[in-house]
Amino acid sequence: MTRHKIILNPVSGRGAGERSIPLIEQGLRENGVDFDLVRTERPWHAAELAQQACVEGYDVVVAAGGDGTSNEVLNGLMRARPSGRVAAMGVLCVGRGNDFAFAVGVPGGIADGCRALAQGHRRAIDVGRVTGGWYPRGRYFGNGVGIGFDAVVGFVAARMKRLTGFASYVVAALETIFLYYRAPLLRIEYDGETLTLPGLMVSTMNGRRMGGGFMMGPDASPDDGLFDLCIAEQVSRLRILGLIPKFMNGTQATHPAIKMARARRVTVTALRGALPAHGDGETLCTEGQALTMELEPRQIEITGVPGVA
């Protein structure tokens, strides 16, 4: 029987993780899933637990939380690969954004997620690696890296106490217009191309969505061997406001200040100013100078994807 290690973040979704444990345990048992559940206790604990689960021979390691928990579990699984210990990854959504789960096709509800884990359908996905900022030795990501405006939106949303989910990111975006609107001068290098411009935002996407509802890479696929880039030039505050609904609908490519591209390797350097950045919602730096994103094709198998053979 397939052995599952459930790594649950109890503080995910402002305590939704802890409250979801009875539902998760009931759902897994009803679907005949063999599992052990462990709670995380500190930052990066999920990565350590995931790596240890591979050593212990678990077949599937499941992130039960939000995007941060998924990112840590992904990092733990990738760090276990050199030892030859390979496990598939699952996701049970109890966080705020759940953009990684959306990217790979995992259902959002706990009941549907447990059912999908039991069915065991899998797909192999690409994994990104970002180097620079607070991680000179690199950190893996599954959904995307945001540099500039969208990173600050995430920082602002994380500080909100009353709002959660997509609503918190919308309000944070409105606040950020007045906090962060003067773009640094950037050099952006990707697969032989070079752009130099005042860059409000550079999103390097393996998935399609950030912030629970902003379609930064509307045509992206996590298994096509390429990042989807969304580059926004400096615009006025009023134009930033007008861009927000376009990002919600995934139609930003029609705006003259937006450039979309695809690449396997991307380097962003601040020639003037600095880079605030996040990877899968986790802070990479607040005032970085250079970041490099590289794609590693089909590194991880995701299980619990309905309709995938």
Protein backbone atom coordinates (compact mmCIF):
# COMPACT_ATOMS: atom_id res chain seq x y z
CA MET A 1 0.00 0.00 0.00
CA THR A 2 1.17 3.53 -0.80
CA ARG A 3 2.47 5.26 2.33
CA HIS A 4 1.65 8.96 2.75
CA LYS A 5 3.38 11.43 5.06
CA ILE A 6 1.09 14.40 5.77
CA ILE A 7 3.09 17.50 6.77
CA LEU A 8 0.62 19.98 8.21
CA ASN A 9 1.24 23.61 9.05
CA PRO A 10 -1.07 24.34 12.01
CA VAL A 11 -0.84 28.13 11.63
CA SER A 12 -1.51 28.13 7.89
CA GLY A 13 -4.51 30.24 6.91
CA ARG A 14 -4.43 31.96 10.30
CA GLY A 15 -5.10 28.73 12.16
CA ALA A 16 -7.14 26.96 9.48
CA GLY A 17 -4.44 24.29 9.36
CA GLU A 18 -4.98 23.16 12.94
CA ARG A 19 -8.76 23.33 12.59
CA SER A 20 -8.65 21.20 9.46
CA ILE A 21 -6.95 18.18 11.07
CA PRO A 22 -10.15 16.26 11.96
CA LEU A 23 -11.51 16.79 8.42
CA ILE A 24 -8.25 15.67 6.85
CA GLU A 25 -7.97 12.56 8.99
CA GLN A 26 -11.59 11.65 8.35
CA GLY A 27 -11.29 12.23 4.61
CA LEU A 28 -8.15 10.14 4.27
CA ARG A 29 -9.54 7.26 6.32
CA GLU A 30 -12.83 7.24 4.39
CA ASN A 31 -10.84 6.93 1.17
CA GLY A 32 -8.56 4.18 2.48
CA VAL A 33 -5.35 6.24 2.47
CA ASP A 34 -2.48 4.90 4.59
CA PHE A 35 -0.98 7.95 6.29
CA ASP A 36 0.95 9.45 9.18
CA LEU A 37 0.41 13.11 10.06
CA VAL A 38 2.92 15.47 11.64
CA ARG A 39 2.66 19.16 12.48
CA THR A 40 5.35 21.70 11.62
CA GLU A 41 6.81 23.64 14.54
CA ARG A 42 8.94 26.38 12.95
CA PRO A 43 9.95 27.90 9.62
CA TRP A 44 11.71 25.43 7.29
CA HIS A 45 10.55 22.50 9.44
CA ALA A 46 8.35 21.23 6.58
CA ALA A 47 11.43 21.00 4.33
CA GLU A 48 13.31 19.01 6.96
CA LEU A 49 10.33 16.70 7.54
CA ALA A 50 9.87 16.13 3.80
CA GLN A 51 13.52 15.21 3.31
CA GLN A 52 13.36 12.85 6.29
CA ALA A 53 10.16 11.26 4.96
CA CYS A 54 12.03 10.35 1.79
CA VAL A 55 14.79 8.74 3.84
CA GLU A 56 12.16 6.79 5.78
CA GLY A 57 10.73 5.39 2.57
CA TYR A 58 7.37 7.16 2.29
CA ASP A 59 5.94 7.01 -1.21
CA VAL A 60 4.08 10.34 -1.09
CA VAL A 61 4.79 13.46 0.96
CA VAL A 62 1.78 15.77 1.29
CA ALA A 63 1.91 19.49 2.08
CA ALA A 64 -1.18 20.41 4.10
CA GLY A 65 -1.14 24.19 4.27
CA GLY A 66 -0.72 27.09 1.89
CA ASP A 67 1.87 28.04 -0.68
CA GLY A 68 4.61 28.46 1.93
CA THR A 69 4.14 24.91 3.20
CA SER A 70 4.08 23.56 -0.36
CA ASN A 71 7.27 25.43 -1.15
CA GLU A 72 9.08 24.00 1.87
CA VAL A 73 7.94 20.44 1.10
CA LEU A 74 9.06 20.89 -2.51
CA ASN A 75 12.48 22.03 -1.30
CA GLY A 76 12.76 19.05 1.03
CA LEU A 77 11.92 16.62 -1.77
CA MET A 78 14.41 18.23 -4.14
CA ARG A 79 17.14 18.11 -1.49
CA ALA A 80 16.48 14.39 -1.02
CA ARG A 81 16.98 13.58 -4.72
CA PRO A 82 20.81 13.27 -4.69
CA SER A 83 20.49 10.46 -2.15
CA GLY A 84 18.29 8.53 -4.56
CA ARG A 85 15.31 8.76 -2.20
CA VAL A 86 12.42 9.92 -4.37
CA ALA A 87 8.84 10.52 -3.26
CA ALA A 88 5.87 12.02 -5.05
CA MET A 89 4.30 15.20 -3.71
CA GLY A 90 0.70 15.82 -2.75
CA VAL A 91 -1.14 18.95 -1.61
CA LEU A 92 -4.11 19.50 0.69
CA CYS A 93 -5.24 23.13 0.54
CA VAL A 94 -5.81 24.88 3.87
CA GLY A 95 -3.90 28.12 3.21
CA ARG A 96 -4.75 31.56 1.84
CA GLY A 97 -3.66 31.61 -1.79
CA ASN A 98 -3.06 27.97 -2.79
CA ASP A 99 -1.58 29.14 -6.10
CA PHE A 100 0.77 26.15 -6.39
CA ALA A 101 -2.13 23.72 -6.07
CA PHE A 102 -3.99 25.68 -8.74
CA ALA A 103 -0.93 25.51 -11.01
CA VAL A 104 -0.57 21.73 -10.86
CA GLY A 105 -4.30 20.93 -10.96
CA VAL A 106 -4.86 19.78 -7.38
CA PRO A 107 -8.45 20.41 -6.17
CA GLY A 108 -9.00 23.12 -3.58
CA GLY A 109 -11.33 21.49 -1.04
CA ILE A 110 -10.19 19.05 1.64
CA ALA A 111 -12.76 16.39 0.75
CA ASP A 112 -11.90 16.55 -2.95
CA GLY A 113 -8.21 16.65 -2.14
CA CYS A 114 -8.38 13.50 0.00
CA ARG A 115 -10.36 11.72 -2.70
CA ALA A 116 -7.82 12.71 -5.35
CA LEU A 117 -4.92 11.49 -3.20
CA ALA A 118 -6.61 8.11 -2.90
CA GLN A 119 -7.01 7.89 -6.68
CA GLY A 120 -3.28 8.52 -7.05
CA HIS A 121 -3.19 10.07 -10.54
CA ARG A 122 0.19 11.70 -11.16
CA ARG A 123 1.87 14.27 -13.39
CA ALA A 124 5.53 15.26 -13.58
CA ILE A 125 6.22 18.98 -13.24
CA ASP A 126 9.14 21.33 -13.82
CA VAL A 127 10.81 22.97 -10.83
CA GLY A 128 12.47 26.38 -10.70
CA ARG A 129 15.61 27.27 -8.79
CA VAL A 130 16.32 30.87 -7.76
CA THR A 131 19.76 32.04 -6.68
CA GLY A 132 20.55 35.38 -5.03
CA GLY A 133 19.16 37.64 -2.35
CA TRP A 134 18.95 35.80 0.95
CA TYR A 135 19.65 32.48 -0.83
CA PRO A 136 23.08 32.64 -2.51
CA ARG A 137 23.09 28.82 -2.64
CA GLY A 138 19.63 28.73 -4.17
CA ARG A 139 16.06 27.85 -3.26
CA TYR A 140 13.53 25.86 -5.29
CA PHE A 141 10.09 27.10 -6.28
CA GLY A 142 7.11 25.48 -7.95
CA ASN A 143 4.80 28.34 -8.91
CA GLY A 144 6.76 31.53 -9.49
CA VAL A 145 9.14 34.28 -8.45
CA GLY A 146 7.83 37.84 -8.22
CA ILE A 147 10.19 40.81 -8.28
CA GLY A 148 9.05 44.36 -7.60
CA PHE A 149 5.46 45.46 -7.24
CA ASP A 150 3.88 42.03 -6.74
CA ALA A 151 6.47 41.11 -4.11
CA VAL A 152 5.59 44.21 -2.09
CA VAL A 153 1.89 43.35 -2.47
CA GLY A 154 2.63 39.99 -0.84
CA PHE A 155 4.58 41.63 1.99
CA VAL A 156 1.69 44.03 2.68
CA ALA A 157 -0.95 41.26 2.50
CA ALA A 158 0.99 39.13 5.00
CA ARG A 159 0.72 41.90 7.60
CA MET A 160 -3.07 42.13 7.37
CA LYS A 161 -4.93 40.79 10.40
CA ARG A 162 -8.56 40.90 9.30
CA LEU A 163 -8.60 40.09 5.59
CA THR A 164 -7.51 36.73 4.17
CA GLY A 165 -7.33 35.06 0.77
CA PHE A 166 -7.67 36.95 -2.51
CA ALA A 167 -9.37 39.93 -0.85
CA SER A 168 -6.23 40.63 1.20
CA TYR A 169 -4.11 40.73 -1.97
CA VAL A 170 -6.53 43.09 -3.75
CA VAL A 171 -6.47 45.54 -0.84
CA ALA A 172 -2.70 45.14 -0.54
CA ALA A 173 -2.31 45.93 -4.24
CA LEU A 174 -4.26 49.17 -3.77
CA GLU A 175 -2.12 50.11 -0.77
CA THR A 176 1.09 49.24 -2.62
CA ILE A 177 0.28 51.69 -5.42
CA PHE A 178 1.01 54.44 -2.92
CA LEU A 179 3.97 52.70 -1.26
CA TYR A 180 5.89 51.34 -4.24
CA TYR A 181 5.43 52.95 -7.61
CA ARG A 182 8.90 54.18 -8.65
CA ALA A 183 10.57 51.31 -10.43
CA PRO A 184 14.27 50.45 -10.18
CA LEU A 185 16.36 50.43 -13.35
CA LEU A 186 16.67 46.78 -14.34
CA ARG A 187 18.72 44.66 -16.69
CA ILE A 188 16.70 41.57 -17.59
CA GLU A 189 18.51 38.75 -19.40
CA TYR A 190 16.65 35.71 -20.67
CA ASP A 191 17.78 33.07 -23.17
CA GLY A 192 19.99 35.41 -25.19
CA GLU A 193 17.77 38.49 -24.94
CA THR A 194 18.56 41.58 -22.85
CA LEU A 195 16.23 44.38 -21.77
CA THR A 196 17.22 47.49 -19.83
CA LEU A 197 14.29 49.46 -18.47
CA PRO A 198 12.63 50.92 -15.38
CA GLY A 199 10.86 47.74 -14.30
CA LEU A 200 7.85 47.96 -12.05
CA MET A 201 7.55 44.17 -11.90
CA VAL A 202 9.09 40.99 -13.26
CA SER A 203 7.21 37.74 -12.69
CA THR A 204 8.91 34.46 -13.61
CA MET A 205 6.11 31.92 -13.70
CA ASN A 206 6.03 28.14 -13.72
CA GLY A 207 2.33 28.27 -12.81
CA ARG A 208 -0.37 30.68 -13.91
CA ARG A 209 -1.47 32.61 -10.82
CA MET A 210 -0.18 34.58 -7.84
CA GLY A 211 -1.96 36.15 -4.89
CA GLY A 212 -4.96 33.85 -5.16
CA GLY A 213 -6.33 35.47 -8.31
CA PHE A 214 -3.79 37.50 -10.32
CA MET A 215 -3.05 35.65 -13.57
CA MET A 216 0.60 36.59 -14.00
CA GLY A 217 1.21 33.78 -16.50
CA PRO A 218 -2.23 33.05 -18.00
CA ASP A 219 -0.82 30.62 -20.58
CA ALA A 220 1.83 28.99 -18.38
CA SER A 221 2.07 25.25 -17.87
CA PRO A 222 4.21 23.64 -15.13
CA ASP A 223 5.41 20.86 -17.44
CA ASP A 224 6.31 22.61 -20.72
CA GLY A 225 10.01 23.16 -19.96
CA LEU A 226 9.80 26.98 -19.98
CA PHE A 227 9.05 29.86 -17.64
CA ASP A 228 6.45 32.40 -18.68
CA LEU A 229 7.71 35.94 -18.05
CA CYS A 230 5.56 38.96 -17.33
CA ILE A 231 7.54 42.22 -17.39
CA ALA A 232 5.87 45.51 -16.49
CA GLU A 233 7.56 48.83 -17.22
CA GLN A 234 7.22 51.86 -14.98
CA VAL A 235 3.80 53.50 -15.36
CA SER A 236 1.89 56.12 -13.41
CA ARG A 237 -0.10 55.30 -10.30
CA LEU A 238 -3.32 55.73 -12.25
CA ARG A 239 -2.17 53.24 -14.88
CA ILE A 240 -1.14 50.74 -12.20
CA LEU A 241 -4.71 50.96 -10.92
CA GLY A 242 -6.00 50.28 -14.41
CA LEU A 243 -3.71 47.27 -14.80
CA ILE A 244 -5.09 45.45 -11.73
CA PRO A 245 -8.29 44.16 -13.43
CA LYS A 246 -6.24 43.12 -16.46
CA PHE A 247 -4.06 40.93 -14.25
CA MET A 248 -7.16 39.48 -12.61
CA ASN A 249 -8.47 38.50 -16.07
CA GLY A 250 -5.11 37.49 -17.52
CA THR A 251 -5.39 40.09 -20.31
CA GLN A 252 -2.42 42.30 -19.35
CA ALA A 253 -0.51 41.38 -22.53
CA THR A 254 -2.73 43.85 -24.44
CA HIS A 255 -1.26 46.79 -22.46
CA PRO A 256 1.72 48.57 -24.08
CA ALA A 257 3.68 48.62 -20.81
CA ILE A 258 3.57 44.81 -20.51
CA LYS A 259 5.90 42.37 -22.23
CA MET A 260 5.30 38.61 -22.12
CA ALA A 261 8.04 36.12 -23.01
CA ARG A 262 9.20 32.56 -22.40
CA ALA A 263 12.60 31.35 -21.28
CA ARG A 264 14.43 28.63 -19.40
CA ARG A 265 16.89 30.94 -17.62
CA VAL A 266 16.28 34.50 -16.37
CA THR A 267 18.60 36.95 -14.59
CA VAL A 268 17.31 40.24 -13.18
CA THR A 269 19.85 42.82 -11.98
CA ALA A 270 19.13 46.17 -10.35
CA LEU A 271 21.33 48.78 -12.01
CA ARG A 272 19.73 51.47 -9.88
CA GLY A 273 17.57 50.83 -6.85
CA ALA A 274 16.95 47.39 -5.33
CA LEU A 275 14.87 44.24 -5.77
CA PRO A 276 12.14 43.14 -3.35
CA ALA A 277 11.32 39.56 -4.30
CA HIS A 278 9.41 36.44 -3.27
CA GLY A 279 9.37 32.83 -4.41
CA ASP A 280 6.02 31.03 -4.01
CA GLY A 281 5.06 33.76 -1.54
CA GLU A 282 8.20 33.28 0.58
CA THR A 283 10.49 36.31 0.90
CA LEU A 284 13.70 35.98 -1.10
CA CYS A 285 14.96 39.48 -0.34
CA THR A 286 13.71 42.97 0.40
CA GLU A 287 16.59 44.91 -1.19
CA GLY A 288 18.41 42.43 -3.41
CA GLN A 289 20.69 43.33 -6.31
CA ALA A 290 20.51 40.29 -8.60
CA LEU A 291 18.45 37.11 -8.92
CA THR A 292 18.77 34.22 -11.36
CA MET A 293 15.95 31.78 -12.07
CA GLU A 294 16.65 28.47 -13.84
CA LEU A 295 14.17 25.76 -14.83
CA GLU A 296 14.80 22.08 -14.14
CA PRO A 297 12.37 20.04 -16.28
CA ARG A 298 10.11 17.34 -14.82
CA GLN A 299 11.79 16.99 -11.44
CA ILE A 300 8.84 16.14 -9.19
CA GLU A 301 5.77 13.93 -9.58
CA ILE A 302 2.57 15.49 -8.24
CA THR A 303 -0.08 13.05 -7.10
CA GLY A 304 -3.74 13.75 -6.46
CA VAL A 305 -4.44 15.39 -9.82
CA PRO A 306 -7.95 14.39 -11.00
CA GLY A 307 -8.24 13.23 -14.58
CA VAL A 308 -4.51 12.57 -15.08
CA ALA A 309 -3.64 8.99 -15.87
